[in-house]
Amino acid sequence: MRINILNKSADRVCAGIVVAACACLLFSDTFFTWYMNTTQNHPFMAGFGKFALLGTLGESLAQRLLTGRYLPPGFRPLARALLWGLLGVCISAAFIIFSAGAPCMLAALGLDWAPRALTGPLGIRKVITAFAISLTMNTMFAPVLMVAHKIGDMRIAMVADGPRYPGEGFNVGARLAEIDWNRMWDLVLYRSLLFFWVPAHTVTFLLPPAFRVLFAAVLGAVLGLILAWAAAREKKPAPPEVLL
């Protein structure tokens, strides 16, 4: 099924909201100051909000491409926003941990300039440091986060479908056994991490700290749209767990 974008009033409203938000961030001193203060003084709350908004928006736009509807039955936007927000808190913490720890690792290997590289001008040292941060984060932290995202999506789907029997709980071990690990490895833990997220987050860590989590959230939404477009052409579901 071919979906024509911007042929509905909802599409125009959605596009208008995105354009207005970008304009406020770029051209409104008041909004920009509020954004910077919130990001610097409340990083985890800001991370929750950025991912709750942009992650859910990305999934909603992907559903628009795949099904023609922003909120198809069972989508549960509030539950998805909560899941994305919690993931955003974890990602915000990981950015702090790995942006400090990876440069120290490089220093232990004899590259004593690494802990100061991100605050310096753009150059080969800064790129090497950003790459090291991205590589360590995406090999040590991201796989666990992506599996957690998958489990969260399965929980949302179970609640949307209703319990299979009264009083059914959520057995994480049983849900792990249901995952197609061949596909998870090939598409999510190998291809998306190595060929998308490692280079993408290298760019992320070249940005000022206040914009790193925001850029990561935007990347997730954009990747979701790309996957949805590809899935629509192949008539296959787009896996949400690669969006991190």
C-alpha atoms as a PDB file:
ATOM      1  CA  MET A   1       0.000   0.000   0.000  1.00  0.00           C
ATOM      2  CA  ARG A   2       1.361   3.369  -0.998  1.00  0.00           C
ATOM      3  CA  ILE A   3       0.883   6.186   1.493  1.00  0.00           C
ATOM      4  CA  ASN A   4       0.766   9.756   0.214  1.00  0.00           C
ATOM      5  CA  ILE A   5       2.280  12.021   2.833  1.00  0.00           C
ATOM      6  CA  LEU A   6       0.623  15.386   3.584  1.00  0.00           C
ATOM      7  CA  ASN A   7      -2.649  14.374   1.962  1.00  0.00           C
ATOM      8  CA  LYS A   8      -4.520  14.592   5.257  1.00  0.00           C
ATOM      9  CA  SER A   9      -5.113  17.463   7.636  1.00  0.00           C
ATOM     10  CA  ALA A  10      -3.393  15.420  10.383  1.00  0.00           C
ATOM     11  CA  ASP A  11      -0.245  15.292   8.265  1.00  0.00           C
ATOM     12  CA  ARG A  12      -0.261  19.062   7.837  1.00  0.00           C
ATOM     13  CA  VAL A  13      -0.832  19.605  11.564  1.00  0.00           C
ATOM     14  CA  CYS A  14       2.009  17.218  12.446  1.00  0.00           C
ATOM     15  CA  ALA A  15       4.360  18.912   9.976  1.00  0.00           C
ATOM     16  CA  GLY A  16       3.378  22.313  11.333  1.00  0.00           C
ATOM     17  CA  ILE A  17       4.134  21.275  14.915  1.00  0.00           C
ATOM     18  CA  VAL A  18       7.571  19.962  13.929  1.00  0.00           C
ATOM     19  CA  VAL A  19       8.400  23.118  11.974  1.00  0.00           C
ATOM     20  CA  ALA A  20       7.182  25.335  14.828  1.00  0.00           C
ATOM     21  CA  ALA A  21       9.262  23.442  17.401  1.00  0.00           C
ATOM     22  CA  CYS A  22      12.391  23.726  15.233  1.00  0.00           C
ATOM     23  CA  ALA A  23      11.734  27.422  14.679  1.00  0.00           C
ATOM     24  CA  CYS A  24      11.351  28.042  18.414  1.00  0.00           C
ATOM     25  CA  LEU A  25      14.626  26.286  19.181  1.00  0.00           C
ATOM     26  CA  LEU A  26      16.513  28.116  16.431  1.00  0.00           C
ATOM     27  CA  PHE A  27      15.006  31.595  16.580  1.00  0.00           C
ATOM     28  CA  SER A  28      13.440  32.119  20.021  1.00  0.00           C
ATOM     29  CA  ASP A  29      15.931  33.281  22.638  1.00  0.00           C
ATOM     30  CA  THR A  30      13.434  32.568  25.423  1.00  0.00           C
ATOM     31  CA  PHE A  31      12.794  28.997  24.292  1.00  0.00           C
ATOM     32  CA  PHE A  32      16.495  28.374  23.649  1.00  0.00           C
ATOM     33  CA  THR A  33      17.438  29.673  27.117  1.00  0.00           C
ATOM     34  CA  TRP A  34      14.763  27.501  28.722  1.00  0.00           C
ATOM     35  CA  TYR A  35      16.008  24.486  26.771  1.00  0.00           C
ATOM     36  CA  MET A  36      19.635  25.040  27.777  1.00  0.00           C
ATOM     37  CA  ASN A  37      18.804  25.620  31.452  1.00  0.00           C
ATOM     38  CA  THR A  38      16.574  22.544  31.644  1.00  0.00           C
ATOM     39  CA  THR A  39      19.118  20.335  29.873  1.00  0.00           C
ATOM     40  CA  GLN A  40      21.999  21.490  32.075  1.00  0.00           C
ATOM     41  CA  ASN A  41      20.165  21.611  35.421  1.00  0.00           C
ATOM     42  CA  HIS A  42      17.836  18.629  34.983  1.00  0.00           C
ATOM     43  CA  PRO A  43      19.551  16.292  32.491  1.00  0.00           C
ATOM     44  CA  PHE A  44      17.558  13.175  33.322  1.00  0.00           C
ATOM     45  CA  MET A  45      14.203  14.923  33.272  1.00  0.00           C
ATOM     46  CA  ALA A  46      15.187  16.523  29.962  1.00  0.00           C
ATOM     47  CA  GLY A  47      16.318  13.157  28.599  1.00  0.00           C
ATOM     48  CA  PHE A  48      12.999  11.620  29.599  1.00  0.00           C
ATOM     49  CA  GLY A  49      11.073  14.372  27.820  1.00  0.00           C
ATOM     50  CA  LYS A  50      13.164  14.351  24.636  1.00  0.00           C
ATOM     51  CA  PHE A  51      12.906  10.621  24.100  1.00  0.00           C
ATOM     52  CA  ALA A  52       9.271  10.375  25.235  1.00  0.00           C
ATOM     53  CA  LEU A  53       8.318  12.997  22.662  1.00  0.00           C
ATOM     54  CA  LEU A  54      10.624  12.225  19.748  1.00  0.00           C
ATOM     55  CA  GLY A  55      10.730   8.443  20.145  1.00  0.00           C
ATOM     56  CA  THR A  56       6.939   8.187  20.257  1.00  0.00           C
ATOM     57  CA  LEU A  57       6.644  10.656  17.374  1.00  0.00           C
ATOM     58  CA  GLY A  58       9.044   8.571  15.302  1.00  0.00           C
ATOM     59  CA  GLU A  59       7.074   5.377  15.936  1.00  0.00           C
ATOM     60  CA  SER A  60       3.812   7.178  15.169  1.00  0.00           C
ATOM     61  CA  LEU A  61       5.181   8.499  11.883  1.00  0.00           C
ATOM     62  CA  ALA A  62       6.419   5.009  11.049  1.00  0.00           C
ATOM     63  CA  GLN A  63       2.909   3.662  11.618  1.00  0.00           C
ATOM     64  CA  ARG A  64       1.586   6.376   9.307  1.00  0.00           C
ATOM     65  CA  LEU A  65       3.890   5.088   6.583  1.00  0.00           C
ATOM     66  CA  LEU A  66       3.055   1.441   7.221  1.00  0.00           C
ATOM     67  CA  THR A  67      -0.678   1.531   7.949  1.00  0.00           C
ATOM     68  CA  GLY A  68      -1.876   4.994   6.941  1.00  0.00           C
ATOM     69  CA  ARG A  69      -2.739   5.828  10.570  1.00  0.00           C
ATOM     70  CA  TYR A  70      -0.720   7.633  13.209  1.00  0.00           C
ATOM     71  CA  LEU A  71      -2.368   5.730  16.060  1.00  0.00           C
ATOM     72  CA  PRO A  72      -3.441   2.286  14.855  1.00  0.00           C
ATOM     73  CA  PRO A  73      -5.324  -0.025  17.248  1.00  0.00           C
ATOM     74  CA  GLY A  74      -3.091  -1.265  20.051  1.00  0.00           C
ATOM     75  CA  PHE A  75      -0.480   1.469  19.579  1.00  0.00           C
ATOM     76  CA  ARG A  76      -0.935   2.811  23.163  1.00  0.00           C
ATOM     77  CA  PRO A  77       0.923   6.143  22.782  1.00  0.00           C
ATOM     78  CA  LEU A  78       1.084   6.913  26.519  1.00  0.00           C
ATOM     79  CA  ALA A  79       2.638   3.538  27.313  1.00  0.00           C
ATOM     80  CA  ARG A  80       5.123   3.969  24.469  1.00  0.00           C
ATOM     81  CA  ALA A  81       5.964   7.486  25.624  1.00  0.00           C
ATOM     82  CA  LEU A  82       6.639   6.152  29.134  1.00  0.00           C
ATOM     83  CA  LEU A  83       8.868   3.397  27.735  1.00  0.00           C
ATOM     84  CA  TRP A  84      10.778   5.853  25.529  1.00  0.00           C
ATOM     85  CA  GLY A  85      11.129   8.268  28.450  1.00  0.00           C
ATOM     86  CA  LEU A  86      12.621   5.602  30.705  1.00  0.00           C
ATOM     87  CA  LEU A  87      14.999   4.599  27.929  1.00  0.00           C
ATOM     88  CA  GLY A  88      15.896   8.283  27.569  1.00  0.00           C
ATOM     89  CA  VAL A  89      16.897   8.437  31.244  1.00  0.00           C
ATOM     90  CA  CYS A  90      19.138   5.385  30.761  1.00  0.00           C
ATOM     91  CA  ILE A  91      20.660   6.866  27.607  1.00  0.00           C
ATOM     92  CA  SER A  92      21.294  10.195  29.350  1.00  0.00           C
ATOM     93  CA  ALA A  93      23.143   8.345  32.108  1.00  0.00           C
ATOM     94  CA  ALA A  94      25.117   6.321  29.561  1.00  0.00           C
ATOM     95  CA  PHE A  95      26.180   9.491  27.737  1.00  0.00           C
ATOM     96  CA  ILE A  96      27.575  10.893  30.986  1.00  0.00           C
ATOM     97  CA  ILE A  97      29.312   7.652  31.967  1.00  0.00           C
ATOM     98  CA  PHE A  98      30.913   6.811  28.613  1.00  0.00           C
ATOM     99  CA  SER A  99      31.831  10.387  27.663  1.00  0.00           C
ATOM    100  CA  ALA A 100      33.910  10.471  30.846  1.00  0.00           C
ATOM    101  CA  GLY A 101      35.061   6.848  30.985  1.00  0.00           C
ATOM    102  CA  ALA A 102      36.153   6.235  27.387  1.00  0.00           C
ATOM    103  CA  PRO A 103      38.582   9.205  27.337  1.00  0.00           C
ATOM    104  CA  CYS A 104      40.086   7.915  30.599  1.00  0.00           C
ATOM    105  CA  MET A 105      40.529   4.515  28.947  1.00  0.00           C
ATOM    106  CA  LEU A 106      42.367   6.186  26.052  1.00  0.00           C
ATOM    107  CA  ALA A 107      44.531   8.056  28.548  1.00  0.00           C
ATOM    108  CA  ALA A 108      45.409   4.751  30.215  1.00  0.00           C
ATOM    109  CA  LEU A 109      46.572   3.565  26.771  1.00  0.00           C
ATOM    110  CA  GLY A 110      48.957   6.517  26.535  1.00  0.00           C
ATOM    111  CA  LEU A 111      46.711   9.052  24.767  1.00  0.00           C
ATOM    112  CA  ASP A 112      46.812  11.549  27.630  1.00  0.00           C
ATOM    113  CA  TRP A 113      45.137  14.240  25.517  1.00  0.00           C
ATOM    114  CA  ALA A 114      41.859  12.276  25.260  1.00  0.00           C
ATOM    115  CA  PRO A 115      40.142  13.539  28.479  1.00  0.00           C
ATOM    116  CA  ARG A 116      40.392  17.118  27.156  1.00  0.00           C
ATOM    117  CA  ALA A 117      39.693  16.394  23.487  1.00  0.00           C
ATOM    118  CA  LEU A 118      35.912  16.889  23.478  1.00  0.00           C
ATOM    119  CA  THR A 119      36.225  20.410  24.848  1.00  0.00           C
ATOM    120  CA  GLY A 120      38.781  21.394  22.208  1.00  0.00           C
ATOM    121  CA  PRO A 121      38.413  22.382  18.556  1.00  0.00           C
ATOM    122  CA  LEU A 122      37.357  19.904  15.897  1.00  0.00           C
ATOM    123  CA  GLY A 123      40.286  17.781  14.798  1.00  0.00           C
ATOM    124  CA  ILE A 124      41.577  14.245  14.553  1.00  0.00           C
ATOM    125  CA  ARG A 125      41.994  13.924  18.325  1.00  0.00           C
ATOM    126  CA  LYS A 126      38.415  14.968  18.964  1.00  0.00           C
ATOM    127  CA  VAL A 127      37.119  12.576  16.297  1.00  0.00           C
ATOM    128  CA  ILE A 128      39.145   9.673  17.725  1.00  0.00           C
ATOM    129  CA  THR A 129      37.793  10.379  21.212  1.00  0.00           C
ATOM    130  CA  ALA A 130      34.201  10.664  19.989  1.00  0.00           C
ATOM    131  CA  PHE A 131      34.580   7.398  18.067  1.00  0.00           C
ATOM    132  CA  ALA A 132      35.960   5.637  21.162  1.00  0.00           C
ATOM    133  CA  ILE A 133      33.012   6.841  23.234  1.00  0.00           C
ATOM    134  CA  SER A 134      30.525   5.712  20.601  1.00  0.00           C
ATOM    135  CA  LEU A 135      32.209   2.342  20.094  1.00  0.00           C
ATOM    136  CA  THR A 136      32.370   1.470  23.797  1.00  0.00           C
ATOM    137  CA  MET A 137      28.829   2.665  24.481  1.00  0.00           C
ATOM    138  CA  ASN A 138      27.330   0.803  21.531  1.00  0.00           C
ATOM    139  CA  THR A 139      29.119  -2.460  22.292  1.00  0.00           C
ATOM    140  CA  MET A 140      28.822  -2.482  26.095  1.00  0.00           C
ATOM    141  CA  PHE A 141      25.558  -0.664  26.821  1.00  0.00           C
ATOM    142  CA  ALA A 142      23.368  -0.487  23.707  1.00  0.00           C
ATOM    143  CA  PRO A 143      22.758  -4.267  23.283  1.00  0.00           C
ATOM    144  CA  VAL A 144      21.261  -4.512  26.780  1.00  0.00           C
ATOM    145  CA  LEU A 145      19.151  -1.411  26.161  1.00  0.00           C
ATOM    146  CA  MET A 146      17.856  -2.757  22.854  1.00  0.00           C
ATOM    147  CA  VAL A 147      16.827  -6.055  24.416  1.00  0.00           C
ATOM    148  CA  ALA A 148      15.074  -4.086  27.187  1.00  0.00           C
ATOM    149  CA  HIS A 149      13.299  -2.054  24.510  1.00  0.00           C
ATOM    150  CA  LYS A 150      12.162  -5.243  22.817  1.00  0.00           C
ATOM    151  CA  ILE A 151      10.823  -6.628  26.098  1.00  0.00           C
ATOM    152  CA  GLY A 152       9.003  -3.338  26.741  1.00  0.00           C
ATOM    153  CA  ASP A 153       7.367  -3.470  23.316  1.00  0.00           C
ATOM    154  CA  MET A 154       6.253  -7.035  23.941  1.00  0.00           C
ATOM    155  CA  ARG A 155       4.714  -5.971  27.252  1.00  0.00           C
ATOM    156  CA  ILE A 156       2.810  -3.130  25.569  1.00  0.00           C
ATOM    157  CA  ALA A 157       1.540  -5.542  22.920  1.00  0.00           C
ATOM    158  CA  MET A 158       0.358  -8.005  25.584  1.00  0.00           C
ATOM    159  CA  VAL A 159      -1.559  -5.299  27.447  1.00  0.00           C
ATOM    160  CA  ALA A 160      -3.109  -4.082  24.186  1.00  0.00           C
ATOM    161  CA  ASP A 161      -4.212  -7.607  23.249  1.00  0.00           C
ATOM    162  CA  GLY A 162      -5.477  -8.368  26.724  1.00  0.00           C
ATOM    163  CA  PRO A 163      -4.289 -11.132  29.076  1.00  0.00           C
ATOM    164  CA  ARG A 164      -4.336 -14.656  27.724  1.00  0.00           C
ATOM    165  CA  TYR A 165      -5.899 -15.802  30.968  1.00  0.00           C
ATOM    166  CA  PRO A 166      -7.054 -14.007  34.159  1.00  0.00           C
ATOM    167  CA  GLY A 167      -4.251 -12.841  36.393  1.00  0.00           C
ATOM    168  CA  GLU A 168      -1.533 -13.473  33.827  1.00  0.00           C
ATOM    169  CA  GLY A 169       1.751 -11.837  34.788  1.00  0.00           C
ATOM    170  CA  PHE A 170       4.616 -10.804  32.595  1.00  0.00           C
ATOM    171  CA  ASN A 171       7.253 -13.523  32.544  1.00  0.00           C
ATOM    172  CA  VAL A 172      10.453 -11.914  31.267  1.00  0.00           C
ATOM    173  CA  GLY A 173      12.142 -15.290  30.780  1.00  0.00           C
ATOM    174  CA  ALA A 174       9.275 -16.496  28.610  1.00  0.00           C
ATOM    175  CA  ARG A 175       9.360 -13.304  26.556  1.00  0.00           C
ATOM    176  CA  LEU A 176      13.112 -13.669  26.033  1.00  0.00           C
ATOM    177  CA  ALA A 177      12.505 -17.168  24.719  1.00  0.00           C
ATOM    178  CA  GLU A 178      10.021 -15.770  22.172  1.00  0.00           C
ATOM    179  CA  ILE A 179      12.531 -13.370  20.597  1.00  0.00           C
ATOM    180  CA  ASP A 180      13.893 -14.310  17.189  1.00  0.00           C
ATOM    181  CA  TRP A 181      17.547 -14.099  18.230  1.00  0.00           C
ATOM    182  CA  ASN A 182      18.860 -14.714  14.724  1.00  0.00           C
ATOM    183  CA  ARG A 183      17.042 -11.632  13.485  1.00  0.00           C
ATOM    184  CA  MET A 184      17.887  -9.700  16.657  1.00  0.00           C
ATOM    185  CA  TRP A 185      21.574 -10.387  16.154  1.00  0.00           C
ATOM    186  CA  ASP A 186      21.723  -9.835  12.412  1.00  0.00           C
ATOM    187  CA  LEU A 187      19.591  -6.706  12.114  1.00  0.00           C
ATOM    188  CA  VAL A 188      19.696  -5.095  15.547  1.00  0.00           C
ATOM    189  CA  LEU A 189      22.844  -6.047  17.434  1.00  0.00           C
ATOM    190  CA  TYR A 190      25.119  -6.269  14.410  1.00  0.00           C
ATOM    191  CA  ARG A 191      23.989  -4.201  11.432  1.00  0.00           C
ATOM    192  CA  SER A 192      22.266  -1.283  13.134  1.00  0.00           C
ATOM    193  CA  LEU A 193      24.917  -0.927  15.840  1.00  0.00           C
ATOM    194  CA  LEU A 194      27.986  -1.304  13.666  1.00  0.00           C
ATOM    195  CA  PHE A 195      26.888   0.479  10.515  1.00  0.00           C
ATOM    196  CA  PHE A 196      24.472   3.103  11.856  1.00  0.00           C
ATOM    197  CA  TRP A 197      24.795   3.830  15.551  1.00  0.00           C
ATOM    198  CA  VAL A 198      28.584   3.752  15.939  1.00  0.00           C
ATOM    199  CA  PRO A 199      29.176   6.356  13.192  1.00  0.00           C
ATOM    200  CA  ALA A 200      26.015   8.296  14.113  1.00  0.00           C
ATOM    201  CA  HIS A 201      26.983   8.590  17.767  1.00  0.00           C
ATOM    202  CA  THR A 202      30.517   9.545  16.784  1.00  0.00           C
ATOM    203  CA  VAL A 203      28.897  12.640  15.289  1.00  0.00           C
ATOM    204  CA  THR A 204      26.716  12.954  18.397  1.00  0.00           C
ATOM    205  CA  PHE A 205      29.724  13.277  20.711  1.00  0.00           C
ATOM    206  CA  LEU A 206      31.271  15.932  18.493  1.00  0.00           C
ATOM    207  CA  LEU A 207      28.304  18.169  19.369  1.00  0.00           C
ATOM    208  CA  PRO A 208      28.057  20.377  22.486  1.00  0.00           C
ATOM    209  CA  PRO A 209      26.840  18.361  25.498  1.00  0.00           C
ATOM    210  CA  ALA A 210      23.444  20.113  25.625  1.00  0.00           C
ATOM    211  CA  PHE A 211      22.517  18.806  22.177  1.00  0.00           C
ATOM    212  CA  ARG A 212      23.787  15.220  22.337  1.00  0.00           C
ATOM    213  CA  VAL A 213      20.719  13.553  23.835  1.00  0.00           C
ATOM    214  CA  LEU A 214      18.432  15.623  21.600  1.00  0.00           C
ATOM    215  CA  PHE A 215      20.389  14.601  18.510  1.00  0.00           C
ATOM    216  CA  ALA A 216      20.298  10.953  19.580  1.00  0.00           C
ATOM    217  CA  ALA A 217      16.510  11.144  19.958  1.00  0.00           C
ATOM    218  CA  VAL A 218      16.173  12.752  16.519  1.00  0.00           C
ATOM    219  CA  LEU A 219      18.370  10.022  15.023  1.00  0.00           C
ATOM    220  CA  GLY A 220      16.100   7.378  16.504  1.00  0.00           C
ATOM    221  CA  ALA A 221      13.036   8.985  14.954  1.00  0.00           C
ATOM    222  CA  VAL A 222      14.745   9.338  11.571  1.00  0.00           C
ATOM    223  CA  LEU A 223      15.931   5.730  11.595  1.00  0.00           C
ATOM    224  CA  GLY A 224      12.400   4.639  12.429  1.00  0.00           C
ATOM    225  CA  LEU A 225      11.097   6.443   9.347  1.00  0.00           C
ATOM    226  CA  ILE A 226      13.775   4.900   7.138  1.00  0.00           C
ATOM    227  CA  LEU A 227      12.975   1.408   8.404  1.00  0.00           C
ATOM    228  CA  ALA A 228       9.236   1.984   8.011  1.00  0.00           C
ATOM    229  CA  TRP A 229       9.725   3.176   4.436  1.00  0.00           C
ATOM    230  CA  ALA A 230      11.864   0.118   3.655  1.00  0.00           C
ATOM    231  CA  ALA A 231       9.387  -2.202   5.376  1.00  0.00           C
ATOM    232  CA  ALA A 232       6.483  -0.657   3.454  1.00  0.00           C
ATOM    233  CA  ARG A 233       8.266  -1.423   0.182  1.00  0.00           C
ATOM    234  CA  GLU A 234       8.939  -5.004   1.272  1.00  0.00           C
ATOM    235  CA  LYS A 235       5.632  -5.321   3.164  1.00  0.00           C
ATOM    236  CA  LYS A 236       7.444  -6.376   6.355  1.00  0.00           C
ATOM    237  CA  PRO A 237       7.032  -4.932   9.871  1.00  0.00           C
ATOM    238  CA  ALA A 238       9.705  -2.458  10.944  1.00  0.00           C
ATOM    239  CA  PRO A 239      11.410  -3.665  14.132  1.00  0.00           C
ATOM    240  CA  PRO A 240      11.136  -0.889  16.778  1.00  0.00           C
ATOM    241  CA  GLU A 241      14.065  -2.176  18.822  1.00  0.00           C
ATOM    242  CA  VAL A 242      16.635  -0.839  16.321  1.00  0.00           C
ATOM    243  CA  LEU A 243      15.599   2.749  16.990  1.00  0.00           C
ATOM    244  CA  LEU A 244      18.011   3.307  19.856  1.00  0.00           C
END
